[in-house]
Protein backbone atom coordinates (compact mmCIF):
# COMPACT_ATOMS: atom_id res chain seq x y z
CA UNK A 1 -26.38 9.22 7.48
CA UNK A 2 -27.40 5.79 8.80
CA UNK A 3 -26.80 5.49 12.51
CA UNK A 4 -24.45 2.53 12.07
CA UNK A 5 -22.09 4.68 9.98
CA UNK A 6 -21.98 7.22 12.80
CA UNK A 7 -20.87 4.39 15.07
CA UNK A 8 -17.72 3.56 13.08
CA UNK A 9 -14.82 4.75 15.22
CA UNK A 10 -12.07 2.30 14.30
CA UNK A 11 -11.26 -0.84 12.32
CA UNK A 12 -13.22 -3.10 14.66
CA UNK A 13 -16.47 -1.18 14.45
CA UNK A 14 -15.92 -0.96 10.67
CA UNK A 15 -15.63 -4.76 10.61
CA UNK A 16 -18.85 -5.09 12.62
CA UNK A 17 -20.78 -3.14 9.99
CA UNK A 18 -19.15 -4.99 7.09
CA UNK A 19 -19.95 -8.35 8.68
CA UNK A 20 -23.56 -7.26 9.26
CA UNK A 21 -23.81 -6.39 5.55
CA UNK A 22 -22.55 -9.84 4.56
CA UNK A 23 -19.41 -8.35 3.00
CA UNK A 24 -16.80 -10.12 5.17
CA UNK A 25 -15.32 -13.61 4.77
CA UNK A 26 -13.25 -15.32 7.49
CA UNK A 27 -10.22 -17.31 6.34
CA UNK A 28 -8.48 -19.58 8.86
CA UNK A 29 -5.18 -21.44 8.71
CA UNK A 30 -3.44 -19.46 5.98
CA UNK A 31 0.34 -19.14 6.04
CA UNK A 32 1.88 -15.67 6.19
CA UNK A 33 4.37 -16.82 3.55
CA UNK A 34 2.60 -16.26 0.18
CA UNK A 35 -0.77 -17.87 0.99
CA UNK A 36 -2.37 -14.67 2.35
CA UNK A 37 -1.09 -12.74 -0.65
CA UNK A 38 -2.19 -15.31 -3.22
CA UNK A 39 -5.65 -15.78 -1.68
CA UNK A 40 -6.11 -12.02 -1.63
CA UNK A 41 -5.08 -11.77 -5.29
CA UNK A 42 -7.57 -14.44 -6.34
CA UNK A 43 -10.27 -12.62 -4.37
CA UNK A 44 -9.63 -9.28 -6.13
CA UNK A 45 -10.30 -10.91 -9.49
CA UNK A 46 -13.79 -12.04 -8.54
CA UNK A 47 -16.67 -10.00 -9.94
CA UNK A 48 -17.65 -8.73 -6.47
CA UNK A 49 -14.71 -9.33 -4.10
CA UNK A 50 -15.41 -9.58 -0.37
CA UNK A 51 -13.21 -8.35 2.45
CA UNK A 52 -11.05 -11.19 3.80
CA UNK A 53 -10.12 -11.48 7.49
CA UNK A 54 -7.32 -14.00 8.07
CA UNK A 55 -7.03 -15.62 11.51
CA UNK A 56 -5.19 -18.61 12.99
CA UNK A 57 -2.29 -17.66 10.74
CA UNK A 58 0.45 -20.29 10.65
CA UNK A 59 2.92 -19.64 13.48
CA UNK A 60 0.81 -16.97 15.22
CA UNK A 61 -1.79 -17.09 17.98
CA UNK A 62 -5.51 -16.81 17.35
CA UNK A 63 -6.51 -13.15 17.23
CA UNK A 64 -3.38 -11.94 15.42
CA UNK A 65 -5.23 -11.15 12.22
CA UNK A 66 -4.69 -9.64 8.75
CA UNK A 67 -7.43 -7.89 6.75
CA UNK A 68 -7.33 -7.48 2.95
CA UNK A 69 -9.81 -6.36 0.30
CA UNK A 70 -11.25 -3.73 2.61
CA UNK A 71 -12.32 -1.30 -0.15
CA UNK A 72 -12.40 -3.39 -3.30
CA UNK A 73 -16.04 -2.81 -4.18
CA UNK A 74 -18.46 0.13 -4.29
CA UNK A 75 -20.47 -0.87 -1.23
CA UNK A 76 -17.52 -1.04 1.17
CA UNK A 77 -15.88 2.05 -0.30
CA UNK A 78 -19.13 3.97 0.13
CA UNK A 79 -19.33 2.70 3.71
CA UNK A 80 -15.73 3.73 4.44
CA UNK A 81 -16.32 7.21 3.02
CA UNK A 82 -19.49 7.47 5.16
CA UNK A 83 -21.60 7.98 2.01
CA UNK A 84 -23.92 4.99 2.41
CA UNK A 85 -24.02 1.22 2.44
CA UNK A 86 -26.06 0.46 -0.67
CA UNK A 87 -24.14 2.25 -3.45
CA UNK A 88 -23.19 0.70 -6.76
CA UNK A 89 -20.48 2.10 -9.06
CA UNK A 90 -22.66 4.75 -10.66
CA UNK A 91 -24.30 5.86 -7.41
CA UNK A 92 -20.90 6.10 -5.70
CA UNK A 93 -19.51 8.35 -8.44
CA UNK A 94 -22.54 10.63 -8.17
CA UNK A 95 -22.37 10.71 -4.36
CA UNK A 96 -18.73 11.82 -4.58
CA UNK A 97 -19.40 14.78 -6.88
CA UNK A 98 -17.81 17.80 -5.21
CA UNK A 99 -17.00 15.91 -2.01
CA UNK A 100 -13.15 15.93 -2.14
CA UNK A 101 -12.98 19.71 -2.51
CA UNK A 102 -15.65 20.09 0.17
CA UNK A 103 -13.63 17.93 2.57
CA UNK A 104 -10.50 19.99 1.90
CA UNK A 105 -12.41 23.21 2.62
CA UNK A 106 -13.96 21.79 5.81
CA UNK A 107 -10.77 20.14 7.16
CA UNK A 108 -9.54 23.12 9.27
CA UNK A 109 -12.78 22.93 11.26
CA UNK A 110 -11.86 19.42 12.44
CA UNK A 111 -8.67 19.89 14.43
CA UNK A 112 -7.64 16.64 16.13
CA UNK A 113 -8.93 15.81 19.59
CA UNK A 114 -5.87 15.05 21.72
CA UNK A 115 -6.53 12.45 24.44
CA UNK A 116 -4.26 11.02 27.12
CA UNK A 117 -4.77 7.38 26.14
CA UNK A 118 -6.66 5.11 23.82
CA UNK A 119 -6.96 1.49 22.72
CA UNK A 120 -3.60 1.69 20.94
CA UNK A 121 -1.80 2.49 24.21
CA UNK A 122 -2.99 -0.67 25.99
CA UNK A 123 0.43 -2.23 25.36
CA UNK A 124 3.58 -0.12 24.94
CA UNK A 125 6.86 -1.86 24.06
CA UNK A 126 10.36 -0.42 23.97
CA UNK A 127 13.97 -1.59 23.68
CA UNK A 128 14.49 -5.34 23.36
CA UNK A 129 10.77 -5.97 23.86
CA UNK A 130 10.17 -4.71 20.31
CA UNK A 131 9.99 -7.44 17.68
CA UNK A 132 8.26 -6.74 14.37
CA UNK A 133 8.39 -10.48 13.69
CA UNK A 134 5.77 -10.92 16.43
CA UNK A 135 3.18 -9.65 13.94
CA UNK A 136 1.99 -11.82 11.00
CA UNK A 137 3.32 -9.47 8.34
CA UNK A 138 2.81 -11.32 5.05
CA UNK A 139 5.36 -12.19 2.41
CA UNK A 140 2.92 -10.95 -0.23
CA UNK A 141 4.38 -11.82 -3.67
CA UNK A 142 6.66 -14.66 -4.72
CA UNK A 143 9.56 -12.42 -5.80
CA UNK A 144 9.32 -9.85 -2.97
CA UNK A 145 12.51 -9.03 -1.14
CA UNK A 146 11.03 -9.63 2.30
CA UNK A 147 8.01 -9.26 4.53
CA UNK A 148 6.07 -6.00 4.30
CA UNK A 149 4.40 -4.95 7.54
CA UNK A 150 3.27 -1.65 6.03
CA UNK A 151 0.96 -1.67 3.02
CA UNK A 152 -2.35 -0.44 4.46
CA UNK A 153 -0.44 1.99 6.64
CA UNK A 154 -0.35 5.72 7.32
CA UNK A 155 3.11 7.20 7.91
CA UNK A 156 3.04 10.50 9.80
CA UNK A 157 5.55 13.30 9.31
CA UNK A 158 5.47 16.98 10.21
CA UNK A 159 6.68 20.18 8.65
CA UNK A 160 9.50 21.20 11.04
CA UNK A 161 8.68 24.89 10.55
CA UNK A 162 4.88 24.95 10.74
CA UNK A 163 4.08 21.72 12.57
CA UNK A 164 1.55 20.70 9.89
CA UNK A 165 1.01 16.94 9.98
CA UNK A 166 1.11 14.82 6.82
CA UNK A 167 0.08 11.18 6.40
CA UNK A 168 1.34 9.14 3.47
CA UNK A 169 0.81 5.51 2.46
CA UNK A 170 4.47 4.52 2.05
CA UNK A 171 5.37 0.84 1.97
CA UNK A 172 7.35 -0.55 4.93
CA UNK A 173 9.60 -3.64 4.74
CA UNK A 174 10.80 -5.37 7.90
CA UNK A 175 14.59 -5.10 8.18
CA UNK A 176 15.04 -6.43 11.71
CA UNK A 177 13.27 -6.69 15.06
CA UNK A 178 13.38 -2.91 15.53
CA UNK A 179 13.84 -1.58 12.01
CA UNK A 180 11.76 -1.15 8.85
CA UNK A 181 12.51 0.72 5.65
CA UNK A 182 10.04 3.38 4.53
CA UNK A 183 9.93 3.90 0.78
CA UNK A 184 8.89 7.53 0.24
CA UNK A 185 8.84 8.73 -3.37
CA UNK A 186 10.69 11.98 -4.07
CA UNK A 187 8.28 14.89 -4.37
CA UNK A 188 5.78 13.49 -1.87
CA UNK A 189 4.98 15.72 1.10
CA UNK A 190 6.53 13.22 3.51
CA UNK A 191 9.83 13.24 1.58
CA UNK A 192 9.95 17.04 1.73
CA UNK A 193 9.34 16.97 5.48
CA UNK A 194 12.09 14.37 6.04
CA UNK A 195 14.62 16.37 4.05
CA UNK A 196 13.82 19.55 5.97
CA UNK A 197 14.14 17.71 9.30
CA UNK A 198 17.54 16.36 8.24
CA UNK A 199 18.68 19.90 7.46
CA UNK A 200 17.33 21.25 10.74
CA UNK A 201 18.04 18.48 13.26
CA UNK A 202 19.96 15.68 11.54
CA UNK A 203 17.09 13.24 11.99
CA UNK A 204 13.37 13.06 11.24
CA UNK A 205 10.58 11.95 13.61
CA UNK A 206 8.13 9.33 12.32
CA UNK A 207 5.05 7.53 13.55
CA UNK A 208 3.23 4.93 11.45
CA UNK A 209 -0.18 3.37 11.98
CA UNK A 210 -0.22 -0.21 10.66
CA UNK A 211 -3.90 -0.94 11.14
CA UNK A 212 -6.99 1.16 11.70
CA UNK A 213 -10.07 2.61 10.05
CA UNK A 214 -9.50 2.16 6.29
CA UNK A 215 -10.63 5.77 5.85
CA UNK A 216 -7.19 6.87 7.04
CA UNK A 217 -5.56 4.81 4.27
CA UNK A 218 -7.74 6.59 1.71
CA UNK A 219 -6.57 9.96 2.97
CA UNK A 220 -2.93 8.85 3.16
CA UNK A 221 -3.00 7.36 -0.33
CA UNK A 222 -4.52 10.27 -2.24
CA UNK A 223 -3.12 13.71 -3.01
CA UNK A 224 -4.56 15.84 -0.23
CA UNK A 225 -3.25 19.39 -0.89
CA UNK A 226 -0.10 20.57 0.86
CA UNK A 227 -0.83 22.34 4.13
CA UNK A 228 -3.96 20.28 4.80
CA UNK A 229 -3.53 17.61 7.47
CA UNK A 230 -4.84 14.21 6.46
CA UNK A 231 -6.07 13.80 10.05
CA UNK A 232 -8.25 16.87 9.68
CA UNK A 233 -9.33 15.69 6.21
CA UNK A 234 -10.50 12.41 7.79
CA UNK A 235 -12.30 14.44 10.44
CA UNK A 236 -14.18 16.33 7.73
CA UNK A 237 -15.22 13.08 6.03
CA UNK A 238 -16.48 11.40 9.19
CA UNK A 239 -17.95 14.58 10.65
CA UNK A 240 -16.01 14.57 13.92
CA UNK A 241 -12.38 15.16 14.96
CA UNK A 242 -9.93 12.27 14.98
CA UNK A 243 -8.75 11.26 18.44
CA UNK A 244 -4.96 11.20 18.78
CA UNK A 245 -2.38 10.51 21.47
CA UNK A 246 1.14 11.92 21.43
CA UNK A 247 4.11 9.65 20.96
CA UNK A 248 6.35 9.32 24.01
CA UNK A 249 9.54 9.75 21.97
CA UNK A 250 8.77 12.16 19.11
CA UNK A 251 5.62 13.90 20.28
CA UNK A 252 4.01 13.18 16.92
CA UNK A 253 0.30 12.35 16.83
CA UNK A 254 -0.93 8.77 16.63
CA UNK A 255 -4.54 7.68 16.00
CA UNK A 256 -5.75 6.70 19.44
CA UNK A 257 -7.94 3.90 18.08
CA UNK A 258 -5.36 2.36 15.76
CA UNK A 259 -4.40 -1.30 16.01
CA UNK A 260 -0.60 -0.86 15.95
CA UNK A 261 1.60 2.24 15.82
CA UNK A 262 5.39 2.31 15.57
CA UNK A 263 7.43 5.38 16.52
CA UNK A 264 11.02 6.32 15.87
CA UNK A 265 13.54 8.27 13.82
CA UNK A 266 14.94 8.34 10.31
CA UNK A 267 18.63 9.24 9.93
CA UNK A 268 20.24 10.24 6.61
CA UNK A 269 23.04 7.67 6.99
CA UNK A 270 20.92 4.68 8.07
CA UNK A 271 19.62 2.84 5.02
CA UNK A 272 19.01 -0.72 3.87
CA UNK A 273 18.42 -2.54 0.61
CA UNK A 274 14.67 -2.52 -0.02
CA UNK A 275 12.59 -4.68 -2.35
CA UNK A 276 11.85 -6.03 -4.82
CA UNK A 277 8.15 -5.52 -4.24
CA UNK A 278 5.13 -6.25 -6.45
CA UNK A 279 3.90 -2.73 -7.14
CA UNK A 280 0.67 -1.14 -8.37
CA UNK A 281 2.01 -0.98 -11.93
CA UNK A 282 1.80 -4.78 -12.00
CA UNK A 283 5.57 -5.30 -11.93
CA UNK A 284 8.25 -5.78 -9.29
CA UNK A 285 10.16 -2.64 -8.41
CA UNK A 286 13.32 -2.05 -6.42
CA UNK A 287 15.81 -4.63 -5.25
CA UNK A 288 18.93 -5.99 -6.88
CA UNK A 289 21.00 -3.59 -4.83
CA UNK A 290 19.43 -0.71 -6.71
CA UNK A 291 17.45 0.95 -3.94
CA UNK A 292 18.97 2.05 -0.66
CA UNK A 293 16.01 3.23 1.41
CA UNK A 294 15.87 5.10 4.72
CA UNK A 295 15.46 2.74 7.67
CA UNK A 296 13.19 3.68 10.56
CA UNK A 297 14.86 3.11 13.93
CA UNK A 298 11.89 2.09 16.07
CA UNK A 299 11.89 3.14 19.73
CA UNK A 300 8.29 2.42 20.69
CA UNK A 301 5.53 0.05 19.56
CA UNK A 302 1.99 0.83 20.72
CA UNK A 303 -0.68 -1.79 20.18
CA UNK A 304 -3.86 -3.51 21.22
CA UNK A 305 -3.55 -6.98 22.79
CA UNK A 306 -4.78 -8.76 19.61
CA UNK A 307 -3.97 -6.32 16.79
CA UNK A 308 -5.24 -6.53 13.21
CA UNK A 309 -2.84 -5.63 10.42
CA UNK A 310 -4.51 -3.82 7.53
CA UNK A 311 -3.08 -5.14 4.28
CA UNK A 312 -3.48 -3.32 0.97
CA UNK A 313 -0.96 -5.14 -1.23
CA UNK A 314 -0.68 -3.82 -4.78
CA UNK A 315 0.14 -5.89 -7.87
CA UNK A 316 -1.13 -6.37 -11.40
CA UNK A 317 -4.52 -4.62 -11.44
CA UNK A 318 -7.09 -5.17 -10.19
CA UNK A 319 -5.42 -5.21 -6.79
CA UNK A 320 -6.35 -4.34 -3.22
CA UNK A 321 -6.77 -0.59 -3.60
CA UNK A 322 -6.99 -0.07 -7.37
CA UNK A 323 -10.78 0.37 -7.24
CA UNK A 324 -10.56 2.83 -4.36
CA UNK A 325 -7.86 4.84 -6.10
CA UNK A 326 -9.79 4.92 -9.38
CA UNK A 327 -12.90 6.28 -7.69
CA UNK A 328 -11.06 8.81 -5.50
CA UNK A 329 -8.74 10.05 -8.22
CA UNK A 330 -11.63 10.39 -10.67
CA UNK A 331 -13.54 12.57 -8.22
CA UNK A 332 -10.53 14.67 -7.24
CA UNK A 333 -9.47 15.28 -10.84
CA UNK A 334 -13.02 16.19 -11.86
CA UNK A 335 -13.24 18.71 -9.01
CA UNK A 336 -9.84 20.14 -9.90
CA UNK A 337 -10.75 20.55 -13.57
CA UNK A 338 -14.03 22.25 -12.71
CA UNK A 339 -12.17 24.57 -10.33
CA UNK A 340 -10.01 25.84 -13.21
CA UNK A 341 -13.11 27.20 -14.89
CA UNK A 342 -12.89 24.75 -17.79
CA UNK A 343 -16.45 24.64 -19.20
CA UNK A 344 -18.67 21.69 -19.97
CA UNK A 345 -16.69 18.93 -18.25
CA UNK A 346 -19.02 15.95 -18.10
CA UNK A 347 -17.02 13.23 -16.33
CA UNK A 348 -13.57 11.86 -15.50
CA UNK A 349 -12.48 8.29 -14.91
CA UNK A 350 -9.02 7.10 -13.81
CA UNK A 351 -8.96 3.51 -15.06
CA UNK A 352 -7.86 0.58 -12.91
CA UNK A 353 -5.79 -0.75 -15.81
CA UNK A 354 -3.47 2.19 -15.14
CA UNK A 355 -3.59 1.82 -11.38
CA UNK A 356 -5.93 4.81 -11.09
CA UNK A 357 -3.10 7.10 -12.24
CA UNK A 358 -1.71 6.28 -15.67
CA UNK A 359 -4.83 6.26 -17.85
CA UNK A 360 -7.37 9.07 -17.56
CA UNK A 361 -10.50 9.58 -19.65
CA UNK A 362 -12.11 13.04 -19.67
CA UNK A 363 -15.48 13.73 -21.30
CA UNK A 364 -16.51 17.22 -22.42
CA UNK A 365 -19.15 18.89 -24.55
CA UNK A 366 -17.08 20.92 -27.02
CA UNK A 367 -17.88 24.63 -27.07
CA UNK A 368 -15.01 26.13 -29.07
CA UNK A 369 -12.05 25.19 -31.23
CA UNK A 370 -9.22 23.93 -29.03
CA UNK A 371 -11.52 23.01 -26.14
CA UNK A 372 -10.62 19.31 -26.27
CA UNK A 373 -6.87 19.94 -26.38
CA UNK A 374 -7.15 22.41 -23.50
CA UNK A 375 -9.01 19.85 -21.39
CA UNK A 376 -6.38 17.19 -22.10
CA UNK A 377 -3.38 19.39 -21.33
CA UNK A 378 -4.94 20.65 -18.10
CA UNK A 379 -5.79 17.13 -16.96
CA UNK A 380 -2.29 15.91 -17.79
CA UNK A 381 -0.59 18.36 -15.44
CA UNK A 382 -3.16 19.39 -12.84
CA UNK A 383 -1.70 18.52 -9.39
CA UNK A 384 -4.35 15.91 -8.59
CA UNK A 385 -3.38 13.97 -11.73
CA UNK A 386 0.25 14.85 -12.46
CA UNK A 387 2.06 12.02 -10.65
CA UNK A 388 2.83 9.03 -12.88
CA UNK A 389 0.20 10.00 -15.46
CA UNK A 390 0.91 8.57 -18.95
CA UNK A 391 -2.24 8.79 -21.06
CA UNK A 392 -5.04 11.36 -21.04
CA UNK A 393 -7.84 10.63 -23.51
CA UNK A 394 -10.42 13.35 -24.11
CA UNK A 395 -13.77 12.18 -25.47
CA UNK A 396 -17.11 13.73 -26.31
CA UNK A 397 -19.93 13.74 -23.78
CA UNK A 398 -21.70 10.84 -25.49
CA UNK A 399 -18.89 8.47 -24.46
CA UNK A 400 -18.96 6.73 -21.06
CA UNK A 401 -15.55 7.45 -19.52
CA UNK A 402 -15.90 4.45 -17.18
CA UNK A 403 -16.11 2.08 -20.16
CA UNK A 404 -12.65 1.39 -21.56
CA UNK A 405 -14.40 -0.23 -24.52
CA UNK A 406 -16.26 3.00 -25.36
CA UNK A 407 -13.17 5.15 -24.78
CA UNK A 408 -11.05 3.06 -27.14
CA UNK A 409 -13.89 3.04 -29.70
CA UNK A 410 -13.71 6.84 -29.65
CA UNK A 411 -9.93 6.73 -30.07
CA UNK A 412 -10.25 4.40 -33.05
CA UNK A 413 -12.96 6.40 -34.80
CA UNK A 414 -12.37 10.05 -33.80
CA UNK A 415 -8.58 10.34 -33.47
CA UNK A 416 -6.29 11.21 -36.36
CA UNK A 417 -2.93 10.01 -34.95
CA UNK A 418 -0.80 12.41 -37.01
CA UNK A 419 -2.37 15.49 -35.45
CA UNK A 420 -4.47 14.45 -32.44
CA UNK A 421 -1.77 13.07 -30.14
CA UNK A 422 0.44 15.44 -28.12
CA UNK A 423 3.44 14.05 -26.21
CA UNK A 424 4.76 15.94 -23.18
CA UNK A 425 8.37 15.37 -22.18
CA UNK A 426 10.10 15.22 -18.77
CA UNK A 427 6.96 15.09 -16.66
CA UNK A 428 6.57 13.76 -13.10
CA UNK A 429 7.34 10.04 -13.10
CA UNK A 430 8.34 7.49 -10.49
CA UNK A 431 10.96 4.89 -9.70
CA UNK A 432 8.21 2.28 -9.59
CA UNK A 433 7.67 2.72 -13.33
CA UNK A 434 8.91 -0.49 -14.99
CA UNK A 435 10.38 1.74 -17.73
CA UNK A 436 12.52 3.71 -15.25
CA UNK A 437 16.16 3.09 -16.29
CA UNK A 438 17.40 2.84 -12.70
CA UNK A 439 19.53 5.99 -12.63
CA UNK A 440 18.84 9.69 -12.85
CA UNK A 441 15.63 11.66 -12.24
CA UNK A 442 12.36 9.73 -12.48
CA UNK A 443 10.85 11.54 -15.45
CA UNK A 444 8.22 10.12 -17.72
CA UNK A 445 6.44 11.25 -20.87
CA UNK A 446 2.70 11.42 -21.35
CA UNK A 447 0.40 11.42 -24.32
CA UNK A 448 -2.69 13.59 -24.60
CA UNK A 449 -5.07 11.99 -27.08
CA UNK A 450 -7.86 14.04 -28.60
CA UNK A 451 -10.57 11.43 -29.22
CA UNK A 452 -13.32 14.00 -29.78
CA UNK A 453 -15.03 14.61 -33.08
CA UNK A 454 -13.20 17.40 -34.92
CA UNK A 455 -14.72 20.71 -33.85
CA UNK A 456 -15.06 21.90 -37.42
CA UNK A 457 -17.01 18.74 -38.31
CA UNK A 458 -19.43 18.66 -35.38
CA UNK A 459 -22.35 19.44 -37.64
CA UNK A 460 -21.52 16.90 -40.33
CA UNK A 461 -19.76 14.05 -38.48
CA UNK A 462 -21.46 10.67 -39.06
CA UNK A 463 -24.14 9.74 -36.55
CA UNK A 464 -23.54 6.90 -34.12
CA UNK A 465 -25.32 3.73 -35.18
CA UNK A 466 -27.14 2.69 -32.00
CA UNK A 467 -30.66 2.77 -30.66
CA UNK A 468 -31.71 5.82 -28.66
CA UNK A 469 -31.91 5.55 -24.90
CA UNK A 470 -35.71 5.82 -25.02
CA UNK A 471 -35.97 2.99 -27.54
CA UNK A 472 -33.68 0.77 -25.50
CA UNK A 473 -35.76 1.44 -22.37
CA UNK A 474 -38.91 0.58 -24.31
CA UNK A 475 -37.71 -2.84 -25.43
CA UNK A 476 -36.32 -3.65 -21.97
CA UNK A 477 -39.72 -2.83 -20.49
CA UNK A 478 -41.42 -5.04 -23.07
CA UNK A 479 -39.18 -8.09 -22.50
CA UNK A 480 -37.74 -7.59 -18.98
CA UNK A 481 -37.26 -11.31 -18.36
CA UNK A 482 -34.90 -11.45 -21.35
CA UNK A 483 -33.30 -7.99 -21.47
CA UNK A 484 -33.79 -6.65 -17.95
CA UNK A 485 -30.34 -7.61 -16.70
CA UNK A 486 -28.43 -6.30 -19.70
């Protein structure tokens, strides 16, 4: 591992490396009301988006900054995952082979390192000194219901019986100087912890880091298995334990090198209207009096003197973390499928068009009748892929799962709709689904599409009309100035 990756301990040292690589752009004078969000959205749609660091934000002192686009390309994602600084899409996918399951297995060896203080405890505020409006939390999208201070955040809960710590990336909307709603989807580990705390003690302890090493957001935003602490998972990735301090009020851990941490309690009878909010599906969710969301009663704010908010606002893809989620989910689902013993799995890709969740492509080399359908049904319900999944497309190994063009070509030429599409009912959905009716359980349906050549026709199916890889390489070598970049 390059020495400079070993020296990343927090968001600021991460920024130093990113700036050195020429991957950071400074933006001055933006307004927190819509301009930061709109500029970030335009940036995501560039072919190679940079990380944007906003300073001199309208109405706030110099040094009160907001970072967006932290992991929106392969180079910065590889850096954040401590895999290297010169990876492209293909190299990043290869570098991640087997890593998520390895990190899960190694996590227990990286118990947190509890320290008495850290950069985040330089300033501690309580009572009337707390004012969430003192931070430049953006109003991200034009139809949002308010300012969201928590997008690139990690919300910490604990199992009240075992003490196991969970971190989840749950959005947080400012509701007052000392209050913010936390939108935790039912079925998430954090929601289970909160419910159990309510049953045991009538309230649930919470800490939330609102800025820090983006690696923590990766762990908080992906499905780390139950019983594995995201803090230990991060320790396994970076190769050293995470330093934490204990909250003065709840005793919950807080990353010692975070930028801002809030601490307080959730109560079952303290809720507020939350949303709308531009979500990762590409639509606004919540609002209109529909969602009453638990409101965190904040008793402490811990922060550095000039804190940096980490923003990861979603929206119509591509958005801030859609690339990161696609890469991470693809790797985790591939590992999970291989762990089932399913043979001849070539690749998996969770497409950004589906937010890294709703559209999965799985490539296999067929070995027996029913192999393709088995792969699709497993992928549709395996825990790493089950949440909010809508389409699983199984293709032959000659199809590049990362290319939506190739995947849909396979669907159009190898799928017989009357027999090759299975629809599963009442599967795990979400309230953020624009098709959710607004009442009742958040089910969805999902289609498993067999886009493989029929097993019984493997020997006689028409050949693909394209040049062989060797022939393509030959002509590229002959006319590199014309074909070398294609």
